[in-house]
């Protein structure tokens, strides 16, 4: 019966880890929701695909910082510099 006890222990550990994972995901989501609300981003109408792309760029920027030891901006800008003469569609909505 020792094997069943061991399997039960493993199952209990797995369930604890699943709950810990759920909790970490919820805390992370709350953190990003607070930042989006604070910055006004939550009130903007931005397509999910655009939000996903922006967050991928932010993640890449900070991953690069982890490798080099800094979290500074990337060397190439995401969009060309705005000289103030662009159309409304070309104007950056970045905060």
C-alpha atoms as a PDB file:
ATOM      1  CA  UNK A   1       0.000   0.000   0.000  1.00  0.00           C
ATOM      2  CA  UNK A   2       3.001   2.318   0.188  1.00  0.00           C
ATOM      3  CA  UNK A   3       2.728   2.992  -3.558  1.00  0.00           C
ATOM      4  CA  UNK A   4      -0.866   4.216  -3.237  1.00  0.00           C
ATOM      5  CA  UNK A   5       0.109   6.512  -0.399  1.00  0.00           C
ATOM      6  CA  UNK A   6       2.936   7.866  -2.505  1.00  0.00           C
ATOM      7  CA  UNK A   7       0.629   8.410  -5.488  1.00  0.00           C
ATOM      8  CA  UNK A   8      -1.854  10.180  -3.218  1.00  0.00           C
ATOM      9  CA  UNK A   9       0.931  12.404  -1.927  1.00  0.00           C
ATOM     10  CA  UNK A  10       1.964  13.243  -5.469  1.00  0.00           C
ATOM     11  CA  UNK A  11      -1.645  13.982  -6.431  1.00  0.00           C
ATOM     12  CA  UNK A  12      -1.951  16.314  -3.426  1.00  0.00           C
ATOM     13  CA  UNK A  13       1.271  18.095  -4.407  1.00  0.00           C
ATOM     14  CA  UNK A  14       0.031  18.464  -7.987  1.00  0.00           C
ATOM     15  CA  UNK A  15      -3.234  19.996  -6.764  1.00  0.00           C
ATOM     16  CA  UNK A  16      -1.339  22.410  -4.496  1.00  0.00           C
ATOM     17  CA  UNK A  17       0.863  23.438  -7.428  1.00  0.00           C
ATOM     18  CA  UNK A  18      -2.179  23.922  -9.666  1.00  0.00           C
ATOM     19  CA  UNK A  19      -3.765  26.186  -7.041  1.00  0.00           C
ATOM     20  CA  UNK A  20      -0.503  28.100  -6.647  1.00  0.00           C
ATOM     21  CA  UNK A  21      -0.356  28.510 -10.442  1.00  0.00           C
ATOM     22  CA  UNK A  22      -3.948  29.799 -10.549  1.00  0.00           C
ATOM     23  CA  UNK A  23      -3.142  32.263  -7.777  1.00  0.00           C
ATOM     24  CA  UNK A  24      -0.002  33.525  -9.533  1.00  0.00           C
ATOM     25  CA  UNK A  25      -1.905  33.999 -12.807  1.00  0.00           C
ATOM     26  CA  UNK A  26      -4.681  35.901 -11.009  1.00  0.00           C
ATOM     27  CA  UNK A  27      -2.172  38.174  -9.224  1.00  0.00           C
ATOM     28  CA  UNK A  28      -0.367  38.835 -12.500  1.00  0.00           C
ATOM     29  CA  UNK A  29      -3.638  39.654 -14.257  1.00  0.00           C
ATOM     30  CA  UNK A  30      -4.607  42.040 -11.454  1.00  0.00           C
ATOM     31  CA  UNK A  31      -1.221  43.734 -11.681  1.00  0.00           C
ATOM     32  CA  UNK A  32      -1.529  44.348 -15.419  1.00  0.00           C
ATOM     33  CA  UNK A  33      -5.166  45.406 -15.074  1.00  0.00           C
ATOM     34  CA  UNK A  34      -4.154  48.026 -12.485  1.00  0.00           C
ATOM     35  CA  UNK A  35      -1.397  49.317 -14.761  1.00  0.00           C
ATOM     36  CA  UNK A  36      -3.745  49.461 -17.759  1.00  0.00           C
ATOM     37  CA  UNK A  37      -6.386  51.284 -15.744  1.00  0.00           C
ATOM     38  CA  UNK A  38      -3.896  53.703 -14.192  1.00  0.00           C
ATOM     39  CA  UNK A  39      -2.404  54.589 -17.579  1.00  0.00           C
ATOM     40  CA  UNK A  40      -5.796  54.964 -19.257  1.00  0.00           C
ATOM     41  CA  UNK A  41      -5.041  52.078 -21.598  1.00  0.00           C
ATOM     42  CA  UNK A  42      -8.035  50.109 -20.346  1.00  0.00           C
ATOM     43  CA  UNK A  43     -10.379  52.831 -21.620  1.00  0.00           C
ATOM     44  CA  UNK A  44      -8.917  52.915 -25.137  1.00  0.00           C
ATOM     45  CA  UNK A  45     -10.451  50.921 -27.943  1.00  0.00           C
ATOM     46  CA  UNK A  46      -7.510  48.858 -29.143  1.00  0.00           C
ATOM     47  CA  UNK A  47      -7.857  45.602 -31.059  1.00  0.00           C
ATOM     48  CA  UNK A  48      -6.755  42.538 -29.112  1.00  0.00           C
ATOM     49  CA  UNK A  49      -4.232  41.702 -31.831  1.00  0.00           C
ATOM     50  CA  UNK A  50      -2.612  45.134 -31.416  1.00  0.00           C
ATOM     51  CA  UNK A  51      -2.492  44.758 -27.628  1.00  0.00           C
ATOM     52  CA  UNK A  52      -0.926  41.302 -28.017  1.00  0.00           C
ATOM     53  CA  UNK A  53       1.696  42.688 -30.414  1.00  0.00           C
ATOM     54  CA  UNK A  54       2.546  45.581 -28.097  1.00  0.00           C
ATOM     55  CA  UNK A  55       2.928  43.287 -25.098  1.00  0.00           C
ATOM     56  CA  UNK A  56       5.153  40.955 -27.132  1.00  0.00           C
ATOM     57  CA  UNK A  57       7.393  43.930 -27.935  1.00  0.00           C
ATOM     58  CA  UNK A  58       7.502  44.975 -24.282  1.00  0.00           C
ATOM     59  CA  UNK A  59       8.364  41.417 -23.224  1.00  0.00           C
ATOM     60  CA  UNK A  60      11.125  41.222 -25.838  1.00  0.00           C
ATOM     61  CA  UNK A  61      12.537  44.525 -24.596  1.00  0.00           C
ATOM     62  CA  UNK A  62      12.716  43.298 -21.015  1.00  0.00           C
ATOM     63  CA  UNK A  63      14.001  39.854 -22.001  1.00  0.00           C
ATOM     64  CA  UNK A  64      16.808  41.588 -23.840  1.00  0.00           C
ATOM     65  CA  UNK A  65      17.469  43.578 -20.658  1.00  0.00           C
ATOM     66  CA  UNK A  66      17.685  40.363 -18.643  1.00  0.00           C
ATOM     67  CA  UNK A  67      20.409  39.073 -20.949  1.00  0.00           C
ATOM     68  CA  UNK A  68      22.425  42.294 -20.923  1.00  0.00           C
ATOM     69  CA  UNK A  69      21.674  43.325 -17.363  1.00  0.00           C
ATOM     70  CA  UNK A  70      19.711  46.449 -18.314  1.00  0.00           C
ATOM     71  CA  UNK A  71      16.102  47.048 -19.256  1.00  0.00           C
ATOM     72  CA  UNK A  72      16.720  50.008 -21.522  1.00  0.00           C
ATOM     73  CA  UNK A  73      14.939  50.702 -24.778  1.00  0.00           C
ATOM     74  CA  UNK A  74      15.703  48.684 -27.856  1.00  0.00           C
ATOM     75  CA  UNK A  75      17.993  50.194 -30.467  1.00  0.00           C
ATOM     76  CA  UNK A  76      15.358  50.272 -33.194  1.00  0.00           C
ATOM     77  CA  UNK A  77      12.105  52.153 -32.663  1.00  0.00           C
ATOM     78  CA  UNK A  78       8.827  50.347 -33.241  1.00  0.00           C
ATOM     79  CA  UNK A  79       7.426  53.180 -35.333  1.00  0.00           C
ATOM     80  CA  UNK A  80       9.087  55.964 -37.283  1.00  0.00           C
ATOM     81  CA  UNK A  81       9.410  59.239 -35.426  1.00  0.00           C
ATOM     82  CA  UNK A  82       6.266  61.363 -35.680  1.00  0.00           C
ATOM     83  CA  UNK A  83       7.046  64.794 -37.117  1.00  0.00           C
ATOM     84  CA  UNK A  84       3.529  65.991 -36.320  1.00  0.00           C
ATOM     85  CA  UNK A  85       2.392  65.966 -39.958  1.00  0.00           C
ATOM     86  CA  UNK A  86       0.898  62.471 -40.081  1.00  0.00           C
ATOM     87  CA  UNK A  87      -2.752  61.585 -40.386  1.00  0.00           C
ATOM     88  CA  UNK A  88      -4.774  60.525 -37.370  1.00  0.00           C
ATOM     89  CA  UNK A  89      -4.186  56.878 -38.286  1.00  0.00           C
ATOM     90  CA  UNK A  90      -0.431  57.435 -38.190  1.00  0.00           C
ATOM     91  CA  UNK A  91      -0.312  59.217 -34.853  1.00  0.00           C
ATOM     92  CA  UNK A  92       0.988  57.021 -32.051  1.00  0.00           C
ATOM     93  CA  UNK A  93      -1.407  56.236 -29.208  1.00  0.00           C
ATOM     94  CA  UNK A  94       1.355  55.052 -26.927  1.00  0.00           C
ATOM     95  CA  UNK A  95       1.264  56.356 -23.378  1.00  0.00           C
END
